[in-house]
PDB file of all heavy atoms in Angstrom:
ATOM      1  N   GLU A   1       0.850  -1.195   0.000  1.00  0.00           N
ATOM      2  CA  GLU A   1       0.000   0.000   0.000  1.00  0.00           C
ATOM      3  C   GLU A   1       0.879   1.235   0.000  1.00  0.00           C
ATOM      4  O   GLU A   1       1.877   1.292   0.739  1.00  0.00           O
ATOM      5  CB  GLU A   1      -0.911   0.002   1.230  1.00  0.00           C
ATOM      6  CG  GLU A   1      -1.724   1.279   1.411  1.00  0.00           C
ATOM      7  CD  GLU A   1      -2.623   1.239   2.643  1.00  0.00           C
ATOM      8  OE1 GLU A   1      -3.049   0.119   3.036  1.00  0.00           O
ATOM      9  OE2 GLU A   1      -2.882   2.306   3.235  1.00  0.00           O
ATOM     10  N   ILE A   2       0.521   2.214  -0.824  1.00  0.00           N
ATOM     11  CA  ILE A   2       1.231   3.495  -0.873  1.00  0.00           C
ATOM     12  C   ILE A   2       0.233   4.596  -0.564  1.00  0.00           C
ATOM     13  O   ILE A   2      -0.730   4.807  -1.305  1.00  0.00           O
ATOM     14  CB  ILE A   2       1.854   3.745  -2.258  1.00  0.00           C
ATOM     15  CG1 ILE A   2       2.804   2.613  -2.659  1.00  0.00           C
ATOM     16  CG2 ILE A   2       2.598   5.087  -2.269  1.00  0.00           C
ATOM     17  CD1 ILE A   2       3.288   2.696  -4.097  1.00  0.00           C
ATOM     18  N   ASP A   3       0.437   5.303   0.534  1.00  0.00           N
ATOM     19  CA  ASP A   3      -0.429   6.419   0.922  1.00  0.00           C
ATOM     20  C   ASP A   3       0.242   7.730   0.521  1.00  0.00           C
ATOM     21  O   ASP A   3       1.189   8.171   1.168  1.00  0.00           O
ATOM     22  CB  ASP A   3      -0.689   6.390   2.429  1.00  0.00           C
ATOM     23  CG  ASP A   3      -1.402   5.117   2.873  1.00  0.00           C
ATOM     24  OD1 ASP A   3      -2.232   4.620   2.099  1.00  0.00           O
ATOM     25  OD2 ASP A   3      -1.117   4.628   3.985  1.00  0.00           O
ATOM     26  N   ILE A   4      -0.253   8.324  -0.542  1.00  0.00           N
ATOM     27  CA  ILE A   4       0.324   9.567  -1.052  1.00  0.00           C
ATOM     28  C   ILE A   4      -0.061  10.743  -0.163  1.00  0.00           C
ATOM     29  O   ILE A   4       0.735  11.658   0.072  1.00  0.00           O
ATOM     30  CB  ILE A   4      -0.134   9.809  -2.501  1.00  0.00           C
ATOM     31  CG1 ILE A   4       0.279   8.624  -3.389  1.00  0.00           C
ATOM     32  CG2 ILE A   4       0.434  11.121  -3.042  1.00  0.00           C
ATOM     33  CD1 ILE A   4      -0.329   8.669  -4.782  1.00  0.00           C
ATOM     34  N   MET A   5      -1.277  10.720   0.335  1.00  0.00           N
ATOM     35  CA  MET A   5      -1.765  11.789   1.211  1.00  0.00           C
ATOM     36  C   MET A   5      -2.830  11.235   2.141  1.00  0.00           C
ATOM     37  O   MET A   5      -3.774  10.594   1.703  1.00  0.00           O
ATOM     38  CB  MET A   5      -2.367  12.932   0.379  1.00  0.00           C
ATOM     39  CG  MET A   5      -2.821  14.160   1.188  1.00  0.00           C
ATOM     40  SD  MET A   5      -4.307  13.980   2.228  1.00  0.00           S
ATOM     41  CE  MET A   5      -5.547  13.511   1.024  1.00  0.00           C
ATOM     42  N   GLU A   6      -2.658  11.477   3.432  1.00  0.00           N
ATOM     43  CA  GLU A   6      -3.709  11.249   4.420  1.00  0.00           C
ATOM     44  C   GLU A   6      -3.745  12.464   5.339  1.00  0.00           C
ATOM     45  O   GLU A   6      -2.702  13.038   5.672  1.00  0.00           O
ATOM     46  CB  GLU A   6      -3.449  10.002   5.245  1.00  0.00           C
ATOM     47  CG  GLU A   6      -3.536   8.697   4.485  1.00  0.00           C
ATOM     48  CD  GLU A   6      -3.342   7.506   5.405  1.00  0.00           C
ATOM     49  OE1 GLU A   6      -2.175   7.190   5.717  1.00  0.00           O
ATOM     50  OE2 GLU A   6      -4.348   6.903   5.808  1.00  0.00           O
ATOM     51  N   HIS A   7      -4.942  12.807   5.767  1.00  0.00           N
ATOM     52  CA  HIS A   7      -5.117  13.963   6.650  1.00  0.00           C
ATOM     53  C   HIS A   7      -6.254  13.654   7.612  1.00  0.00           C
ATOM     54  O   HIS A   7      -7.321  13.191   7.182  1.00  0.00           O
ATOM     55  CB  HIS A   7      -5.448  15.212   5.817  1.00  0.00           C
ATOM     56  CG  HIS A   7      -5.647  16.448   6.641  1.00  0.00           C
ATOM     57  ND1 HIS A   7      -6.874  16.815   7.132  1.00  0.00           N
ATOM     58  CD2 HIS A   7      -4.778  17.406   7.043  1.00  0.00           C
ATOM     59  CE1 HIS A   7      -6.758  17.953   7.811  1.00  0.00           C
ATOM     60  NE2 HIS A   7      -5.481  18.321   7.768  1.00  0.00           N
ATOM     61  N   VAL A   8      -6.022  13.871   8.888  1.00  0.00           N
ATOM     62  CA  VAL A   8      -7.083  13.652   9.873  1.00  0.00           C
ATOM     63  C   VAL A   8      -7.499  14.995  10.458  1.00  0.00           C
ATOM     64  O   VAL A   8      -6.664  15.825  10.816  1.00  0.00           O
ATOM     65  CB  VAL A   8      -6.644  12.663  10.976  1.00  0.00           C
ATOM     66  CG1 VAL A   8      -6.530  11.263  10.399  1.00  0.00           C
ATOM     67  CG2 VAL A   8      -5.337  13.071  11.618  1.00  0.00           C
ATOM     68  N   GLY A   9      -8.818  15.200  10.539  1.00  0.00           N
ATOM     69  CA  GLY A   9      -9.332  16.533  10.837  1.00  0.00           C
ATOM     70  C   GLY A   9      -9.026  17.050  12.217  1.00  0.00           C
ATOM     71  O   GLY A   9      -9.052  18.265  12.436  1.00  0.00           O
ATOM     72  N   TRP A  10      -8.743  16.156  13.176  1.00  0.00           N
ATOM     73  CA  TRP A  10      -8.407  16.654  14.510  1.00  0.00           C
ATOM     74  C   TRP A  10      -6.974  17.195  14.573  1.00  0.00           C
ATOM     75  O   TRP A  10      -6.566  17.748  15.595  1.00  0.00           O
ATOM     76  CB  TRP A  10      -8.615  15.574  15.577  1.00  0.00           C
ATOM     77  CG  TRP A  10      -8.012  14.227  15.302  1.00  0.00           C
ATOM     78  CD1 TRP A  10      -8.663  13.120  14.839  1.00  0.00           C
ATOM     79  CD2 TRP A  10      -6.650  13.835  15.483  1.00  0.00           C
ATOM     80  NE1 TRP A  10      -7.790  12.061  14.713  1.00  0.00           N
ATOM     81  CE2 TRP A  10      -6.549  12.473  15.105  1.00  0.00           C
ATOM     82  CE3 TRP A  10      -5.506  14.489  15.924  1.00  0.00           C
ATOM     83  CZ2 TRP A  10      -5.353  11.758  15.146  1.00  0.00           C
ATOM     84  CZ3 TRP A  10      -4.307  13.791  15.968  1.00  0.00           C
ATOM     85  CH2 TRP A  10      -4.241  12.435  15.582  1.00  0.00           C
ATOM     86  N   ASP A  11      -6.232  17.030  13.499  1.00  0.00           N
ATOM     87  CA  ASP A  11      -4.849  17.520  13.448  1.00  0.00           C
ATOM     88  C   ASP A  11      -4.683  18.318  12.158  1.00  0.00           C
ATOM     89  O   ASP A  11      -3.947  17.922  11.261  1.00  0.00           O
ATOM     90  CB  ASP A  11      -3.894  16.327  13.486  1.00  0.00           C
ATOM     91  CG  ASP A  11      -2.441  16.723  13.750  1.00  0.00           C
ATOM     92  OD1 ASP A  11      -2.180  17.920  13.972  1.00  0.00           O
ATOM     93  OD2 ASP A  11      -1.575  15.825  13.731  1.00  0.00           O
ATOM     94  N   PRO A  12      -5.367  19.463  12.049  1.00  0.00           N
ATOM     95  CA  PRO A  12      -5.455  20.148  10.760  1.00  0.00           C
ATOM     96  C   PRO A  12      -4.108  20.623  10.246  1.00  0.00           C
ATOM     97  O   PRO A  12      -3.298  21.179  10.983  1.00  0.00           O
ATOM     98  CB  PRO A  12      -6.387  21.333  11.054  1.00  0.00           C
ATOM     99  CG  PRO A  12      -6.276  21.550  12.521  1.00  0.00           C
ATOM    100  CD  PRO A  12      -6.069  20.196  13.123  1.00  0.00           C
ATOM    101  N   GLY A  13      -3.876  20.330   8.967  1.00  0.00           N
ATOM    102  CA  GLY A  13      -2.663  20.785   8.308  1.00  0.00           C
ATOM    103  C   GLY A  13      -1.537  19.782   8.311  1.00  0.00           C
ATOM    104  O   GLY A  13      -0.565  19.956   7.570  1.00  0.00           O
ATOM    105  N   ARG A  14      -1.625  18.725   9.112  1.00  0.00           N
ATOM    106  CA  ARG A  14      -0.558  17.729   9.126  1.00  0.00           C
ATOM    107  C   ARG A  14      -0.887  16.661   8.075  1.00  0.00           C
ATOM    108  O   ARG A  14      -1.834  15.887   8.231  1.00  0.00           O
ATOM    109  CB  ARG A  14      -0.391  17.086  10.494  1.00  0.00           C
ATOM    110  CG  ARG A  14       0.810  16.122  10.543  1.00  0.00           C
ATOM    111  CD  ARG A  14       0.984  15.503  11.927  1.00  0.00           C
ATOM    112  NE  ARG A  14       1.193  16.519  12.934  1.00  0.00           N
ATOM    113  CZ  ARG A  14       2.358  17.116  13.187  1.00  0.00           C
ATOM    114  NH1 ARG A  14       3.436  16.791  12.471  1.00  0.00           N
ATOM    115  NH2 ARG A  14       2.459  18.029  14.128  1.00  0.00           N
ATOM    116  N   VAL A  15      -0.086  16.609   7.016  1.00  0.00           N
ATOM    117  CA  VAL A  15      -0.319  15.700   5.905  1.00  0.00           C
ATOM    118  C   VAL A  15       0.688  14.563   5.982  1.00  0.00           C
ATOM    119  O   VAL A  15       1.900  14.788   6.117  1.00  0.00           O
ATOM    120  CB  VAL A  15      -0.197  16.444   4.558  1.00  0.00           C
ATOM    121  CG1 VAL A  15      -0.375  15.478   3.399  1.00  0.00           C
ATOM    122  CG2 VAL A  15      -1.238  17.563   4.486  1.00  0.00           C
ATOM    123  N   HIS A  16       0.193  13.334   5.881  1.00  0.00           N
ATOM    124  CA  HIS A  16       1.012  12.142   6.051  1.00  0.00           C
ATOM    125  C   HIS A  16       1.245  11.431   4.722  1.00  0.00           C
ATOM    126  O   HIS A  16       0.376  11.406   3.848  1.00  0.00           O
ATOM    127  CB  HIS A  16       0.326  11.160   6.999  1.00  0.00           C
ATOM    128  CG  HIS A  16       0.063  11.702   8.365  1.00  0.00           C
ATOM    129  ND1 HIS A  16       0.905  11.473   9.432  1.00  0.00           N
ATOM    130  CD2 HIS A  16      -0.948  12.477   8.842  1.00  0.00           C
ATOM    131  CE1 HIS A  16       0.422  12.074  10.515  1.00  0.00           C
ATOM    132  NE2 HIS A  16      -0.696  12.685  10.171  1.00  0.00           N
ATOM    133  N   GLY A  17       2.429  10.827   4.587  1.00  0.00           N
ATOM    134  CA  GLY A  17       2.744   9.921   3.495  1.00  0.00           C
ATOM    135  C   GLY A  17       3.348   8.658   4.099  1.00  0.00           C
ATOM    136  O   GLY A  17       4.236   8.741   4.950  1.00  0.00           O
ATOM    137  N   THR A  18       2.868   7.485   3.666  1.00  0.00           N
ATOM    138  CA  THR A  18       3.242   6.240   4.326  1.00  0.00           C
ATOM    139  C   THR A  18       3.246   5.096   3.317  1.00  0.00           C
ATOM    140  O   THR A  18       2.498   5.130   2.342  1.00  0.00           O
ATOM    141  CB  THR A  18       2.242   5.898   5.455  1.00  0.00           C
ATOM    142  OG1 THR A  18       1.931   7.064   6.210  1.00  0.00           O
ATOM    143  CG2 THR A  18       2.794   4.835   6.390  1.00  0.00           C
ATOM    144  N   VAL A  19       4.054   4.080   3.561  1.00  0.00           N
ATOM    145  CA  VAL A  19       3.932   2.817   2.831  1.00  0.00           C
ATOM    146  C   VAL A  19       3.722   1.697   3.838  1.00  0.00           C
ATOM    147  O   VAL A  19       4.173   1.773   4.991  1.00  0.00           O
ATOM    148  CB  VAL A  19       5.151   2.510   1.943  1.00  0.00           C
ATOM    149  CG1 VAL A  19       5.343   3.593   0.894  1.00  0.00           C
ATOM    150  CG2 VAL A  19       6.409   2.313   2.763  1.00  0.00           C
ATOM    151  N   HIS A  20       3.007   0.649   3.379  1.00  0.00           N
ATOM    152  CA  HIS A  20       2.768  -0.529   4.201  1.00  0.00           C
ATOM    153  C   HIS A  20       3.129  -1.773   3.406  1.00  0.00           C
ATOM    154  O   HIS A  20       2.733  -1.913   2.242  1.00  0.00           O
ATOM    155  CB  HIS A  20       1.295  -0.611   4.621  1.00  0.00           C
ATOM    156  CG  HIS A  20       0.853   0.534   5.467  1.00  0.00           C
ATOM    157  ND1 HIS A  20       1.065   0.589   6.827  1.00  0.00           N
ATOM    158  CD2 HIS A  20       0.212   1.683   5.149  1.00  0.00           C
ATOM    159  CE1 HIS A  20       0.568   1.716   7.307  1.00  0.00           C
ATOM    160  NE2 HIS A  20       0.052   2.400   6.302  1.00  0.00           N
ATOM    161  N   THR A  21       3.892  -2.660   4.028  1.00  0.00           N
ATOM    162  CA  THR A  21       4.271  -3.944   3.446  1.00  0.00           C
ATOM    163  C   THR A  21       4.128  -4.998   4.549  1.00  0.00           C
ATOM    164  O   THR A  21       3.782  -4.682   5.697  1.00  0.00           O
ATOM    165  CB  THR A  21       5.721  -3.923   2.950  1.00  0.00           C
ATOM    166  OG1 THR A  21       6.608  -3.977   4.082  1.00  0.00           O
ATOM    167  CG2 THR A  21       6.022  -2.676   2.125  1.00  0.00           C
ATOM    168  N   LYS A  22       4.413  -6.254   4.203  1.00  0.00           N
ATOM    169  CA  LYS A  22       4.342  -7.302   5.223  1.00  0.00           C
ATOM    170  C   LYS A  22       5.328  -7.027   6.354  1.00  0.00           C
ATOM    171  O   LYS A  22       5.025  -7.250   7.539  1.00  0.00           O
ATOM    172  CB  LYS A  22       4.620  -8.667   4.595  1.00  0.00           C
ATOM    173  CG  LYS A  22       4.452  -9.832   5.559  1.00  0.00           C
ATOM    174  CD  LYS A  22       4.638 -11.166   4.862  1.00  0.00           C
ATOM    175  CE  LYS A  22       4.442 -12.333   5.835  1.00  0.00           C
ATOM    176  NZ  LYS A  22       4.609 -13.641   5.150  1.00  0.00           N
ATOM    177  N   ALA A  23       6.501  -6.532   6.018  1.00  0.00           N
ATOM    178  CA  ALA A  23       7.519  -6.257   7.031  1.00  0.00           C
ATOM    179  C   ALA A  23       7.315  -4.914   7.717  1.00  0.00           C
ATOM    180  O   ALA A  23       7.676  -4.752   8.896  1.00  0.00           O
ATOM    181  CB  ALA A  23       8.909  -6.312   6.405  1.00  0.00           C
ATOM    182  N   TYR A  24       6.757  -3.967   6.991  1.00  0.00           N
ATOM    183  CA  TYR A  24       6.617  -2.601   7.498  1.00  0.00           C
ATOM    184  C   TYR A  24       5.151  -2.196   7.431  1.00  0.00           C
ATOM    185  O   TYR A  24       4.635  -1.880   6.350  1.00  0.00           O
ATOM    186  CB  TYR A  24       7.467  -1.643   6.666  1.00  0.00           C
ATOM    187  CG  TYR A  24       8.923  -2.024   6.564  1.00  0.00           C
ATOM    188  CD1 TYR A  24       9.523  -2.278   5.324  1.00  0.00           C
ATOM    189  CD2 TYR A  24       9.707  -2.137   7.707  1.00  0.00           C
ATOM    190  CE1 TYR A  24      10.860  -2.626   5.229  1.00  0.00           C
ATOM    191  CE2 TYR A  24      11.051  -2.487   7.618  1.00  0.00           C
ATOM    192  CZ  TYR A  24      11.620  -2.725   6.386  1.00  0.00           C
ATOM    193  OH  TYR A  24      12.944  -3.074   6.297  1.00  0.00           O
ATOM    194  N   ASN A  25       4.482  -2.184   8.585  1.00  0.00           N
ATOM    195  CA  ASN A  25       3.061  -1.809   8.609  1.00  0.00           C
ATOM    196  C   ASN A  25       2.671  -1.320   9.991  1.00  0.00           C
ATOM    197  O   ASN A  25       3.358  -1.599  10.976  1.00  0.00           O
ATOM    198  CB  ASN A  25       2.187  -2.985   8.160  1.00  0.00           C
ATOM    199  CG  ASN A  25       2.295  -4.174   9.085  1.00  0.00           C
ATOM    200  OD1 ASN A  25       1.667  -4.217  10.136  1.00  0.00           O
ATOM    201  ND2 ASN A  25       3.122  -5.157   8.709  1.00  0.00           N
ATOM    202  N   HIS A  26       1.544  -0.611  10.057  1.00  0.00           N
ATOM    203  CA  HIS A  26       1.182   0.047  11.310  1.00  0.00           C
ATOM    204  C   HIS A  26       0.734  -0.931  12.390  1.00  0.00           C
ATOM    205  O   HIS A  26       0.821  -0.625  13.585  1.00  0.00           O
ATOM    206  CB  HIS A  26       0.083   1.092  11.061  1.00  0.00           C
ATOM    207  CG  HIS A  26      -1.268   0.530  10.804  1.00  0.00           C
ATOM    208  ND1 HIS A  26      -2.164   0.259  11.812  1.00  0.00           N
ATOM    209  CD2 HIS A  26      -1.884   0.175   9.660  1.00  0.00           C
ATOM    210  CE1 HIS A  26      -3.280  -0.233  11.285  1.00  0.00           C
ATOM    211  NE2 HIS A  26      -3.124  -0.289   9.987  1.00  0.00           N
ATOM    212  N   VAL A  27       0.248  -2.112  12.000  1.00  0.00           N
ATOM    213  CA  VAL A  27      -0.171  -3.078  12.999  1.00  0.00           C
ATOM    214  C   VAL A  27       1.029  -3.563  13.804  1.00  0.00           C
ATOM    215  O   VAL A  27       0.966  -3.735  15.022  1.00  0.00           O
ATOM    216  CB  VAL A  27      -0.902  -4.259  12.337  1.00  0.00           C
ATOM    217  CG1 VAL A  27      -1.268  -5.310  13.372  1.00  0.00           C
ATOM    218  CG2 VAL A  27      -2.149  -3.763  11.628  1.00  0.00           C
ATOM    219  N   ALA A  28       2.154  -3.757  13.115  1.00  0.00           N
ATOM    220  CA  ALA A  28       3.402  -4.137  13.788  1.00  0.00           C
ATOM    221  C   ALA A  28       4.170  -2.922  14.298  1.00  0.00           C
ATOM    222  O   ALA A  28       5.239  -3.075  14.894  1.00  0.00           O
ATOM    223  CB  ALA A  28       4.280  -4.927  12.823  1.00  0.00           C
ATOM    224  N   ASN A  29       3.626  -1.728  14.042  1.00  0.00           N
ATOM    225  CA  ASN A  29       4.277  -0.464  14.426  1.00  0.00           C
ATOM    226  C   ASN A  29       5.642  -0.313  13.757  1.00  0.00           C
ATOM    227  O   ASN A  29       6.573   0.246  14.320  1.00  0.00           O
ATOM    228  CB  ASN A  29       4.418  -0.352  15.950  1.00  0.00           C
ATOM    229  CG  ASN A  29       4.587   1.087  16.406  1.00  0.00           C
ATOM    230  OD1 ASN A  29       4.084   2.011  15.769  1.00  0.00           O
ATOM    231  ND2 ASN A  29       5.284   1.290  17.499  1.00  0.00           N
ATOM    232  N   THR A  30       5.719  -0.804  12.529  1.00  0.00           N
ATOM    233  CA  THR A  30       6.967  -0.707  11.762  1.00  0.00           C
ATOM    234  C   THR A  30       6.777   0.055  10.462  1.00  0.00           C
ATOM    235  O   THR A  30       7.663   0.048   9.606  1.00  0.00           O
ATOM    236  CB  THR A  30       7.500  -2.114  11.435  1.00  0.00           C
ATOM    237  OG1 THR A  30       6.478  -2.850  10.740  1.00  0.00           O
ATOM    238  CG2 THR A  30       7.907  -2.861  12.692  1.00  0.00           C
ATOM    239  N   GLN A  31       5.601   0.689  10.286  1.00  0.00           N
ATOM    240  CA  GLN A  31       5.322   1.371   9.027  1.00  0.00           C
ATOM    241  C   GLN A  31       6.379   2.432   8.733  1.00  0.00           C
ATOM    242  O   GLN A  31       7.002   2.974   9.645  1.00  0.00           O
ATOM    243  CB  GLN A  31       3.930   2.026   9.050  1.00  0.00           C
ATOM    244  CG  GLN A  31       3.819   3.289   9.874  1.00  0.00           C
ATOM    245  CD  GLN A  31       3.570   3.030  11.344  1.00  0.00           C
ATOM    246  OE1 GLN A  31       3.493   1.896  11.780  1.00  0.00           O
ATOM    247  NE2 GLN A  31       3.435   4.098  12.114  1.00  0.00           N
ATOM    248  N   LYS A  32       6.574   2.686   7.449  1.00  0.00           N
ATOM    249  CA  LYS A  32       7.547   3.682   7.019  1.00  0.00           C
ATOM    250  C   LYS A  32       6.786   4.906   6.519  1.00  0.00           C
ATOM    251  O   LYS A  32       6.003   4.822   5.565  1.00  0.00           O
ATOM    252  CB  LYS A  32       8.434   3.122   5.907  1.00  0.00           C
ATOM    253  CG  LYS A  32       9.282   1.922   6.334  1.00  0.00           C
ATOM    254  CD  LYS A  32      10.284   2.289   7.415  1.00  0.00           C
ATOM    255  CE  LYS A  32      11.176   1.113   7.765  1.00  0.00           C
ATOM    256  NZ  LYS A  32      12.162   1.452   8.830  1.00  0.00           N
ATOM    257  N   GLY A  33       7.010   6.031   7.160  1.00  0.00           N
ATOM    258  CA  GLY A  33       6.261   7.206   6.757  1.00  0.00           C
ATOM    259  C   GLY A  33       6.823   8.485   7.322  1.00  0.00           C
ATOM    260  O   GLY A  33       7.799   8.493   8.085  1.00  0.00           O
ATOM    261  N   SER A  34       6.171   9.568   6.952  1.00  0.00           N
ATOM    262  CA  SER A  34       6.573  10.882   7.404  1.00  0.00           C
ATOM    263  C   SER A  34       5.359  11.805   7.309  1.00  0.00           C
ATOM    264  O   SER A  34       4.287  11.396   6.857  1.00  0.00           O
ATOM    265  CB  SER A  34       7.728  11.418   6.554  1.00  0.00           C
ATOM    266  OG  SER A  34       8.194  12.653   7.056  1.00  0.00           O
ATOM    267  N   SER A  35       5.518  13.032   7.733  1.00  0.00           N
ATOM    268  CA  SER A  35       4.435  14.010   7.618  1.00  0.00           C
ATOM    269  C   SER A  35       5.026  15.397   7.445  1.00  0.00           C
ATOM    270  O   SER A  35       6.202  15.631   7.746  1.00  0.00           O
ATOM    271  CB  SER A  35       3.518  13.973   8.850  1.00  0.00           C
ATOM    272  OG  SER A  35       4.215  14.396  10.009  1.00  0.00           O
ATOM    273  N   ARG A  36       4.182  16.290   6.949  1.00  0.00           N
ATOM    274  CA  ARG A  36       4.599  17.675   6.772  1.00  0.00           C
ATOM    275  C   ARG A  36       3.433  18.572   7.096  1.00  0.00           C
ATOM    276  O   ARG A  36       2.278  18.266   6.748  1.00  0.00           O
ATOM    277  CB  ARG A  36       5.051  17.910   5.329  1.00  0.00           C
ATOM    278  CG  ARG A  36       5.433  19.350   5.022  1.00  0.00           C
ATOM    279  CD  ARG A  36       5.855  19.525   3.586  1.00  0.00           C
ATOM    280  NE  ARG A  36       5.528  20.863   3.115  1.00  0.00           N
ATOM    281  CZ  ARG A  36       5.555  21.250   1.847  1.00  0.00           C
ATOM    282  NH1 ARG A  36       5.900  20.383   0.917  1.00  0.00           N
ATOM    283  NH2 ARG A  36       5.243  22.469   1.501  1.00  0.00           N
ATOM    284  N   MET A  37       3.694  19.676   7.778  1.00  0.00           N
ATOM    285  CA  MET A  37       2.638  20.638   8.077  1.00  0.00           C
ATOM    286  C   MET A  37       2.391  21.514   6.861  1.00  0.00           C
ATOM    287  O   MET A  37       3.321  22.085   6.287  1.00  0.00           O
ATOM    288  CB  MET A  37       3.019  21.503   9.276  1.00  0.00           C
ATOM    289  CG  MET A  37       2.976  20.776  10.607  1.00  0.00           C
ATOM    290  SD  MET A  37       1.336  20.104  11.028  1.00  0.00           S
ATOM    291  CE  MET A  37       0.320  21.593  11.072  1.00  0.00           C
ATOM    292  N   VAL A  38       1.138  21.610   6.467  1.00  0.00           N
ATOM    293  CA  VAL A  38       0.690  22.476   5.371  1.00  0.00           C
ATOM    294  C   VAL A  38      -0.459  23.297   5.953  1.00  0.00           C
ATOM    295  O   VAL A  38      -1.609  22.848   5.998  1.00  0.00           O
ATOM    296  CB  VAL A  38       0.225  21.659   4.152  1.00  0.00           C
ATOM    297  CG1 VAL A  38      -0.171  22.582   3.006  1.00  0.00           C
ATOM    298  CG2 VAL A  38       1.308  20.679   3.707  1.00  0.00           C
ATOM    299  N   ALA A  39      -0.150  24.489   6.422  1.00  0.00           N
ATOM    300  CA  ALA A  39      -1.091  25.244   7.242  1.00  0.00           C
ATOM    301  C   ALA A  39      -2.431  25.482   6.559  1.00  0.00           C
ATOM    302  O   ALA A  39      -3.479  25.504   7.209  1.00  0.00           O
ATOM    303  CB  ALA A  39      -0.457  26.574   7.662  1.00  0.00           C
ATOM    304  N   ASP A  40      -2.413  25.670   5.240  1.00  0.00           N
ATOM    305  CA  ASP A  40      -3.650  25.985   4.530  1.00  0.00           C
ATOM    306  C   ASP A  40      -4.159  24.794   3.706  1.00  0.00           C
ATOM    307  O   ASP A  40      -4.842  24.977   2.701  1.00  0.00           O
ATOM    308  CB  ASP A  40      -3.478  27.215   3.646  1.00  0.00           C
ATOM    309  CG  ASP A  40      -2.398  27.030   2.579  1.00  0.00           C
ATOM    310  OD1 ASP A  40      -1.671  26.014   2.626  1.00  0.00           O
ATOM    311  OD2 ASP A  40      -2.284  27.909   1.701  1.00  0.00           O
ATOM    312  N   ALA A  41      -3.856  23.588   4.139  1.00  0.00           N
ATOM    313  CA  ALA A  41      -4.270  22.406   3.376  1.00  0.00           C
ATOM    314  C   ALA A  41      -5.769  22.321   3.191  1.00  0.00           C
ATOM    315  O   ALA A  41      -6.246  21.744   2.207  1.00  0.00           O
ATOM    316  CB  ALA A  41      -3.755  21.137   4.069  1.00  0.00           C
ATOM    317  N   CYS A  42      -6.530  22.886   4.130  1.00  0.00           N
ATOM    318  CA  CYS A  42      -7.987  22.808   4.065  1.00  0.00           C
ATOM    319  C   CYS A  42      -8.618  24.036   3.426  1.00  0.00           C
ATOM    320  O   CYS A  42      -9.854  24.091   3.283  1.00  0.00           O
ATOM    321  CB  CYS A  42      -8.563  22.601   5.458  1.00  0.00           C
ATOM    322  SG  CYS A  42      -8.049  21.056   6.220  1.00  0.00           S
ATOM    323  N   SER A  43      -7.807  24.990   3.020  1.00  0.00           N
ATOM    324  CA  SER A  43      -8.366  26.198   2.405  1.00  0.00           C
ATOM    325  C   SER A  43      -7.736  26.523   1.055  1.00  0.00           C
ATOM    326  O   SER A  43      -8.194  27.446   0.372  1.00  0.00           O
ATOM    327  CB  SER A  43      -8.187  27.400   3.345  1.00  0.00           C
ATOM    328  OG  SER A  43      -6.817  27.620   3.647  1.00  0.00           O
ATOM    329  N   ALA A  44      -6.717  25.790   0.660  1.00  0.00           N
ATOM    330  CA  ALA A  44      -6.031  26.051  -0.605  1.00  0.00           C
ATOM    331  C   ALA A  44      -5.642  24.731  -1.256  1.00  0.00           C
ATOM    332  O   ALA A  44      -5.489  23.706  -0.589  1.00  0.00           O
ATOM    333  CB  ALA A  44      -4.788  26.915  -0.375  1.00  0.00           C
TER     334      ALA A  44
END
């Protein structure tokens, strides 16, 4: 799985990018990802 963009509304502006594989995934807490703040993500 390749997550190009995820955003959760309780954390406005924080945009996540992540990949999930058998070895690297959130259930095992080994997922590979990062995030970036985009202050106007919800208005622009």
